[in-house]
């Protein structure tokens, strides 16, 4: 199965959430036992919802005229 363009927004939301959870879990600290790993974050935070990410489209989520999803 090939990648479908309509999956892009969903994938971008997933990456954004994983990055938020990574920082909240302290994994950016080199002394954290799971430093530089994203393993288990989705399971740990599975009941958390970020309404801005879950319910607002990428076009509407802009800061200083720039999409929050752009790198």
Protein backbone atom coordinates (compact mmCIF):
# COMPACT_ATOMS: atom_id res chain seq x y z
CA UNK A 1 0.00 0.00 0.00
CA UNK A 2 1.36 3.42 -0.89
CA UNK A 3 1.22 6.54 1.26
CA UNK A 4 -1.93 8.57 0.75
CA UNK A 5 -1.63 12.39 0.77
CA UNK A 6 -4.72 12.72 2.98
CA UNK A 7 -2.81 10.97 5.79
CA UNK A 8 -0.33 13.87 6.02
CA UNK A 9 -2.29 16.01 8.50
CA UNK A 10 -2.90 13.02 10.77
CA UNK A 11 0.80 12.15 10.71
CA UNK A 12 1.77 15.75 11.46
CA UNK A 13 -0.57 15.77 14.50
CA UNK A 14 0.95 12.52 15.74
CA UNK A 15 4.51 13.87 15.46
CA UNK A 16 3.53 17.10 17.24
CA UNK A 17 1.97 15.16 20.14
CA UNK A 18 4.95 12.82 20.44
CA UNK A 19 7.32 15.80 20.62
CA UNK A 20 5.20 17.42 23.34
CA UNK A 21 5.10 14.19 25.36
CA UNK A 22 8.85 13.66 24.87
CA UNK A 23 9.59 17.02 26.47
CA UNK A 24 6.98 16.63 29.22
CA UNK A 25 8.46 13.24 30.11
CA UNK A 26 11.91 14.79 30.45
CA UNK A 27 13.48 12.58 27.81
CA UNK A 28 15.45 15.52 26.46
CA UNK A 29 17.60 15.21 29.61
CA UNK A 30 20.66 13.03 28.86
CA UNK A 31 20.32 11.46 32.32
CA UNK A 32 16.78 10.20 31.65
CA UNK A 33 16.78 6.38 31.31
CA UNK A 34 14.94 6.67 27.98
CA UNK A 35 16.79 9.71 26.64
CA UNK A 36 16.41 10.07 22.85
CA UNK A 37 13.71 7.38 22.69
CA UNK A 38 10.04 7.90 21.83
CA UNK A 39 9.23 4.32 22.79
CA UNK A 40 6.20 4.02 25.08
CA UNK A 41 5.11 7.67 24.95
CA UNK A 42 1.86 6.99 23.09
CA UNK A 43 0.97 4.26 25.60
CA UNK A 44 1.86 6.44 28.60
CA UNK A 45 -0.13 9.46 27.40
CA UNK A 46 -2.90 7.65 25.52
CA UNK A 47 -5.72 9.25 27.51
CA UNK A 48 -4.43 12.80 27.09
CA UNK A 49 -5.92 15.04 24.46
CA UNK A 50 -4.60 18.28 23.12
CA UNK A 51 -7.66 20.03 21.73
CA UNK A 52 -5.65 22.47 19.64
CA UNK A 53 -3.91 19.64 17.83
CA UNK A 54 -6.87 17.27 17.67
CA UNK A 55 -9.55 19.71 16.51
CA UNK A 56 -7.98 22.60 14.60
CA UNK A 57 -6.71 22.26 11.08
CA UNK A 58 -3.12 23.09 10.16
CA UNK A 59 -4.25 26.16 8.23
CA UNK A 60 -5.93 27.64 11.32
CA UNK A 61 -3.03 26.91 13.68
CA UNK A 62 -0.68 29.74 12.87
CA UNK A 63 1.71 31.73 14.99
CA UNK A 64 3.08 34.92 13.45
CA UNK A 65 1.59 33.95 10.08
CA UNK A 66 3.47 30.63 10.12
CA UNK A 67 1.89 27.22 10.50
CA UNK A 68 2.86 25.48 13.74
CA UNK A 69 3.43 22.36 11.65
CA UNK A 70 6.19 23.81 9.51
CA UNK A 71 9.75 23.02 10.47
